[in-house]
Protein backbone atom coordinates (compact mmCIF):
# COMPACT_ATOMS: atom_id res chain seq x y z
CA MET A 1 118.79 119.22 67.76
CA THR A 2 119.89 116.40 69.97
CA THR A 3 122.84 114.49 68.91
CA SER A 4 124.79 111.42 70.21
CA SER A 5 128.33 110.36 69.86
CA ASP A 6 128.06 107.41 72.17
CA PRO A 7 128.96 104.24 70.15
CA SER A 8 126.84 102.08 72.46
CA SER A 9 123.70 104.03 71.55
CA GLY A 10 123.74 102.69 68.01
CA ALA A 11 123.46 106.18 66.42
CA LEU A 12 126.09 107.67 64.03
CA PRO A 13 127.82 110.84 65.31
CA GLY A 14 125.91 113.89 64.48
CA ALA A 15 122.81 112.00 63.79
CA ALA A 16 119.44 113.01 65.34
CA ALA A 17 118.29 110.84 68.27
CA PRO A 18 115.19 108.91 67.48
CA PRO A 19 112.01 110.66 68.77
CA GLN A 20 110.58 109.26 71.96
CA LYS A 21 106.94 107.98 71.60
CA ASP A 22 104.57 110.19 73.50
CA HIS A 23 102.10 108.09 75.54
CA GLY A 24 100.21 111.13 76.89
CA ARG A 25 99.44 111.93 80.47
CA ALA A 26 99.40 108.22 81.33
CA GLY A 27 103.07 107.88 80.52
CA ARG A 28 102.48 104.27 79.32
CA ASP A 29 101.79 102.44 76.17
CA LEU A 30 98.12 101.78 77.02
CA ARG A 31 97.51 99.09 74.31
CA ALA A 32 100.47 96.97 75.57
CA ALA A 33 99.51 97.66 79.21
CA VAL A 34 96.02 96.31 78.56
CA ILE A 35 97.12 93.12 76.64
CA SER A 36 99.79 92.29 79.42
CA ALA A 37 97.08 92.75 82.10
CA VAL A 38 94.68 90.61 80.30
CA VAL A 39 97.26 87.80 79.82
CA LEU A 40 98.41 87.92 83.53
CA LEU A 41 94.87 88.01 84.88
CA GLY A 42 93.85 85.16 82.49
CA ALA A 43 96.71 83.00 83.94
CA VAL A 44 95.66 83.77 87.51
CA ALA A 45 92.08 83.05 86.77
CA ALA A 46 92.82 79.72 85.01
CA SER A 47 95.07 78.55 87.92
CA LEU A 48 92.47 79.41 90.54
CA ALA A 49 89.68 77.75 88.60
CA VAL A 50 91.47 74.58 87.80
CA TRP A 51 93.90 73.71 90.73
CA LYS A 52 94.82 76.09 93.51
CA PRO A 53 98.39 74.88 93.98
CA ALA A 54 99.01 75.94 90.36
CA PHE A 55 98.34 79.56 91.60
CA MET A 56 101.02 79.03 94.25
CA LEU A 57 103.48 78.32 91.48
CA ILE A 58 102.61 81.79 90.00
CA VAL A 59 103.16 83.39 93.37
CA VAL A 60 106.54 81.63 93.80
CA ALA A 61 107.56 82.70 90.25
CA ALA A 62 106.51 86.28 91.05
CA VAL A 63 108.64 86.33 94.29
CA VAL A 64 111.73 85.05 92.32
CA VAL A 65 111.36 87.67 89.64
CA ALA A 66 110.79 90.41 92.08
CA VAL A 67 113.88 89.56 94.07
CA TRP A 68 115.87 89.57 90.80
CA GLU A 69 114.50 93.06 89.97
CA LEU A 70 115.40 94.45 93.33
CA ARG A 71 118.97 93.02 93.15
CA LYS A 72 119.28 94.54 89.70
CA GLY A 73 118.13 97.96 90.90
CA LEU A 74 120.25 97.94 94.05
CA LEU A 75 123.42 97.13 92.12
CA ALA A 76 123.29 100.73 91.00
CA HIS A 77 124.14 101.62 94.55
CA ALA A 78 126.85 98.90 94.81
CA ILE A 79 124.52 96.65 96.96
CA ASP A 80 124.74 93.13 95.66
CA LEU A 81 121.94 91.12 97.11
CA PRO A 82 122.55 87.37 97.69
CA GLU A 83 119.77 86.38 95.30
CA GLN A 84 120.09 82.51 95.64
CA PRO A 85 119.24 82.34 99.37
CA LEU A 86 116.62 85.05 98.96
CA MET A 87 114.90 83.33 96.11
CA LEU A 88 115.11 79.85 97.66
CA GLY A 89 114.01 81.05 101.14
CA GLY A 90 111.27 83.17 99.54
CA ALA A 91 109.84 80.12 97.67
CA VAL A 92 109.98 78.15 100.90
CA MET A 93 108.19 80.89 102.81
CA VAL A 94 105.22 80.95 100.37
CA VAL A 95 105.01 77.14 100.38
CA VAL A 96 104.93 76.69 104.13
CA ALA A 97 102.54 79.67 104.58
CA TYR A 98 100.03 77.81 102.23
CA VAL A 99 100.48 74.36 103.87
CA TRP A 100 101.11 75.10 107.49
CA GLY A 101 99.96 78.69 108.18
CA THR A 102 101.22 81.70 110.08
CA ASP A 103 103.49 79.97 112.63
CA ALA A 104 105.40 78.17 109.80
CA LEU A 105 105.73 81.41 107.88
CA VAL A 106 107.19 83.35 110.87
CA THR A 107 109.72 80.42 111.53
CA ALA A 108 110.68 80.24 107.71
CA THR A 109 111.16 84.01 107.60
CA ALA A 110 113.50 84.02 110.64
CA VAL A 111 115.48 80.97 109.30
CA THR A 112 115.85 82.59 105.80
CA ALA A 113 117.01 85.88 107.38
CA LEU A 114 119.66 84.04 109.41
CA ALA A 115 120.74 82.04 106.35
CA VAL A 116 121.04 85.14 104.39
CA MET A 117 123.39 86.75 106.94
CA LEU A 118 125.41 83.68 107.24
CA TRP A 119 125.70 83.46 103.63
CA LEU A 120 127.11 87.06 103.36
CA LEU A 121 129.85 86.16 105.76
CA ARG A 122 131.58 84.52 102.77
CA ARG A 123 131.99 88.01 101.18
CA GLY A 124 134.05 89.45 104.05
CA ILE A 125 133.56 92.43 106.25
CA ASP A 126 133.33 95.44 103.75
CA GLY A 127 129.74 96.45 103.17
CA TYR A 128 128.38 93.54 105.32
CA VAL A 129 125.96 95.73 107.29
CA LYS A 130 124.66 97.56 104.27
CA THR A 131 124.12 94.42 102.22
CA ALA A 132 122.55 92.36 105.02
CA THR A 133 120.17 95.31 105.89
CA ALA A 134 119.14 95.48 102.20
CA SER A 135 118.69 91.68 102.09
CA VAL A 136 116.45 91.61 105.15
CA PHE A 137 114.44 94.48 103.76
CA THR A 138 113.99 92.66 100.49
CA LEU A 139 113.03 89.49 102.49
CA VAL A 140 110.23 91.28 104.28
CA TYR A 141 109.12 93.42 101.36
CA VAL A 142 108.69 90.66 98.83
CA PRO A 143 108.60 87.03 100.18
CA PHE A 144 107.08 87.82 103.57
CA LEU A 145 104.35 90.07 102.34
CA GLY A 146 103.82 87.87 99.30
CA SER A 147 103.31 84.96 101.50
CA PHE A 148 100.03 86.48 102.85
CA VAL A 149 98.50 85.58 99.46
CA ALA A 150 99.24 81.99 100.37
CA LEU A 151 97.63 82.47 103.78
CA LEU A 152 94.58 83.81 102.06
CA LEU A 153 94.33 81.12 99.54
CA SER A 154 94.51 78.48 102.27
CA GLU A 155 91.35 79.60 103.78
CA GLY A 156 89.49 77.07 101.64
CA GLY A 157 91.81 74.27 102.16
CA HIS A 158 94.75 73.03 100.02
CA ASP A 159 93.06 71.30 97.11
CA GLY A 160 90.51 72.11 94.45
CA GLY A 161 89.59 75.39 93.03
CA GLY A 162 86.61 77.36 91.65
CA LEU A 163 84.35 80.12 92.96
CA ASP A 164 82.80 77.93 95.78
CA ASP A 165 86.16 77.94 97.56
CA ASP A 166 86.70 80.44 100.32
CA GLY A 167 90.38 80.93 99.55
CA VAL A 168 89.78 81.48 95.83
CA GLN A 169 86.90 83.93 96.65
CA GLY A 170 89.30 85.81 99.02
CA ILE A 171 92.01 86.05 96.30
CA LEU A 172 89.59 87.31 93.80
CA VAL A 173 88.38 90.07 96.17
CA PHE A 174 91.93 90.96 97.07
CA ILE A 175 92.95 91.24 93.40
CA LEU A 176 89.75 93.01 92.08
CA VAL A 177 89.62 95.61 94.86
CA THR A 178 93.28 96.49 94.52
CA ILE A 179 92.92 96.70 90.69
CA SER A 180 89.89 99.05 91.32
CA SER A 181 92.18 101.36 93.09
CA ASP A 182 94.54 101.48 90.25
CA ILE A 183 91.80 101.93 87.62
CA GLY A 184 89.81 104.44 89.54
CA GLY A 185 92.94 106.35 90.28
CA TYR A 186 94.10 106.25 86.62
CA ILE A 187 90.63 107.47 85.15
CA ALA A 188 90.20 110.24 87.62
CA GLY A 189 93.83 111.31 87.47
CA VAL A 190 93.94 111.59 83.67
CA LEU A 191 90.49 113.32 83.37
CA PHE A 192 90.65 115.61 86.45
CA GLY A 193 94.07 115.45 88.00
CA LYS A 194 95.34 118.98 88.74
CA HIS A 195 96.69 118.93 92.36
CA PRO A 196 99.75 116.73 92.87
CA MET A 197 99.60 114.48 96.02
CA ALA A 198 103.36 114.17 96.30
CA PRO A 199 105.09 116.04 93.53
CA VAL A 200 108.65 115.17 94.58
CA ILE A 201 107.94 111.42 94.93
CA SER A 202 105.41 110.79 92.25
CA PRO A 203 104.54 113.90 90.02
CA LYS A 204 101.62 112.16 88.20
CA LYS A 205 99.76 111.14 91.43
CA SER A 206 97.04 113.61 92.17
CA TRP A 207 94.43 114.12 94.93
CA GLU A 208 91.74 113.81 92.24
CA GLY A 209 93.13 110.43 91.38
CA PHE A 210 93.10 109.40 95.06
CA VAL A 211 89.42 110.33 95.33
CA GLY A 212 88.78 108.23 92.18
CA SER A 213 90.66 105.34 93.73
CA ALA A 214 88.63 105.74 96.89
CA VAL A 215 85.28 105.70 95.18
CA ALA A 216 86.32 102.64 93.17
CA CYS A 217 87.63 100.79 96.13
CA LEU A 218 84.72 101.50 98.40
CA ALA A 219 82.23 100.36 95.61
CA ALA A 220 84.18 97.19 94.76
CA GLY A 221 84.73 96.28 98.40
CA TRP A 222 81.11 96.64 99.33
CA PHE A 223 79.89 94.76 96.26
CA LEU A 224 82.35 91.91 96.38
CA VAL A 225 82.10 91.31 100.17
CA VAL A 226 78.32 91.33 100.21
CA TYR A 227 77.53 89.38 96.90
CA LEU A 228 80.59 87.15 96.61
CA LEU A 229 81.58 86.55 100.17
CA ASP A 230 78.14 86.95 101.83
CA GLY A 231 79.72 89.32 104.38
CA ASP A 232 78.40 92.43 106.04
CA TRP A 233 78.23 95.70 103.99
CA TRP A 234 80.34 97.55 106.55
CA VAL A 235 83.08 94.99 106.33
CA GLY A 236 83.15 95.63 102.55
CA LEU A 237 83.44 99.32 103.04
CA CYS A 238 86.32 98.84 105.60
CA LEU A 239 88.13 96.57 103.03
CA GLY A 240 87.73 99.28 100.41
CA LEU A 241 89.03 101.96 102.70
CA ILE A 242 91.90 99.96 103.87
CA THR A 243 92.81 99.08 100.34
CA VAL A 244 92.89 102.64 98.94
CA VAL A 245 95.09 103.85 101.83
CA MET A 246 97.50 100.99 101.73
CA ALA A 247 97.62 100.70 97.87
CA THR A 248 98.40 104.41 97.67
CA LEU A 249 101.20 104.13 100.25
CA GLY A 250 102.55 101.07 98.60
CA ASP A 251 102.72 102.97 95.31
CA LEU A 252 104.36 105.95 96.93
CA CYS A 253 106.95 103.75 98.70
CA GLU A 254 107.89 101.96 95.41
CA SER A 255 108.19 105.49 93.78
CA VAL A 256 110.60 106.47 96.57
CA ILE A 257 112.63 103.36 96.05
CA LYS A 258 112.90 103.84 92.30
CA ARG A 259 113.85 107.55 92.58
CA ASP A 260 116.55 106.81 95.25
CA LEU A 261 117.87 104.18 92.81
CA GLY A 262 117.63 106.55 89.75
CA ILE A 263 115.49 104.27 87.71
CA LYS A 264 112.02 104.72 86.09
CA ASP A 265 111.02 101.04 86.09
CA MET A 266 112.42 98.07 87.94
CA SER A 267 112.74 96.20 84.64
CA GLN A 268 110.94 95.73 81.38
CA VAL A 269 109.59 92.16 81.74
CA ILE A 270 105.94 93.27 81.40
CA PRO A 271 105.22 95.27 78.21
CA GLY A 272 103.42 98.49 78.98
CA HIS A 273 103.97 98.10 82.61
CA GLY A 274 107.64 97.97 83.18
CA GLY A 275 108.83 95.58 85.88
CA LEU A 276 106.90 93.10 87.89
CA MET A 277 107.56 95.21 91.06
CA ASP A 278 105.99 98.18 89.37
CA ARG A 279 102.70 96.20 89.44
CA LEU A 280 103.15 94.37 92.75
CA ASP A 281 103.66 97.38 94.91
CA SER A 282 100.03 98.02 95.55
CA LEU A 283 99.30 94.35 95.91
CA LEU A 284 102.07 93.73 98.35
CA ALA A 285 100.95 96.69 100.48
CA THR A 286 97.33 95.56 100.64
CA ILE A 287 97.41 91.85 101.08
CA ALA A 288 98.31 91.58 104.87
CA PRO A 289 95.46 93.84 106.10
CA ILE A 290 93.08 92.34 103.62
CA TRP A 291 93.88 88.80 104.86
CA LEU A 292 93.58 90.02 108.48
CA LEU A 293 90.23 91.54 107.84
CA LEU A 294 88.69 88.63 105.89
CA HIS A 295 90.19 86.03 108.10
CA TYR A 296 88.56 87.39 111.26
CA LEU A 297 85.47 89.12 109.98
CA VAL A 298 84.38 86.98 107.10
CA PHE A 299 85.89 83.43 107.15
CA THR A 300 85.98 82.77 110.86
C-alpha cells in the first residue's frame, strides 16, 4: 500500500494515496479533451468568420501563454526567462508580420532578441549566457514561428473574414491538416500501435500511428487544396506529406524538451490536454513550410 507523510499532499500520515484515474492507452481524459478542443476550435472559427484581426488577438494570447509556460518549465533548471520583453516583443512580431509582412517580421525578431539580451544585463554576469541562449531559443520557437500564422492570414488582406478570403482559407487548411495528423495518429496508435517510434523520447508514439497520421494528412491535404483552395492535387499531397513529417518532428521535439525538464505537461491550462504548448507543438512545426508552399504554389 502506498502511503504519504508529506503535509503538502493533503493526506494524513499512513493514509492510502488516492487512486489515479486510468485514461487507458491514450493517457488523457478523452471527454475533457474533446470538449476543450471544440471550445478552442469554435473560438477560432468565430473569429475567422467575423473579423480576421480578432483571430490575431487569439494568436497573440497564445504566444503570451506559451512564453509563460516555457518560463515556468525552465525554472526547474534555474533558467529564469525575462518574460516581459519576450511577451511584448512576441506580440509585436505577430502584429507586424500581419500588417507589413516578412521583412518587418525579421526586423522585429532581431530587435526583440537584442532587447532581451540588453534586458538581461541588469541581472549581472552569472548565468547570462545560459539565460540569453534559452531566451533566444524561446523567441524563435514560439513568437517567430507563430508569426507565420499572421503571414498566412494576411494573404487575403487585412480586413474582413469568411471562407471567400484567401488568408482565412489558408488558416483553415493549415489547422485542419495538422489536426488530421493528430487524429489519424491517435486512432491508428490506439488500435494498432505495437512498434514504438522513439521509445526513449515518446513511448506511446508508434510507427503504426505515424502511418495513420500520413494517410490522414495526405487525404486531408489533397481534399482541402483541391476543393477549398482550387489548387493542384499534387500540391495537396505535398502539403500532406510535409505536414505529417513536420508535425511528428514537432511533437518529438516537445517531448524531448519536457523530458529534459522532468515534466509531463507544460501546464494544466487546457483540460484534457495539459498546457497550451502541448497542443501547439505540431502547429508551430508545420506553419512555416505550409505558408511557404501555399504562398508560392497556390496564392501567387
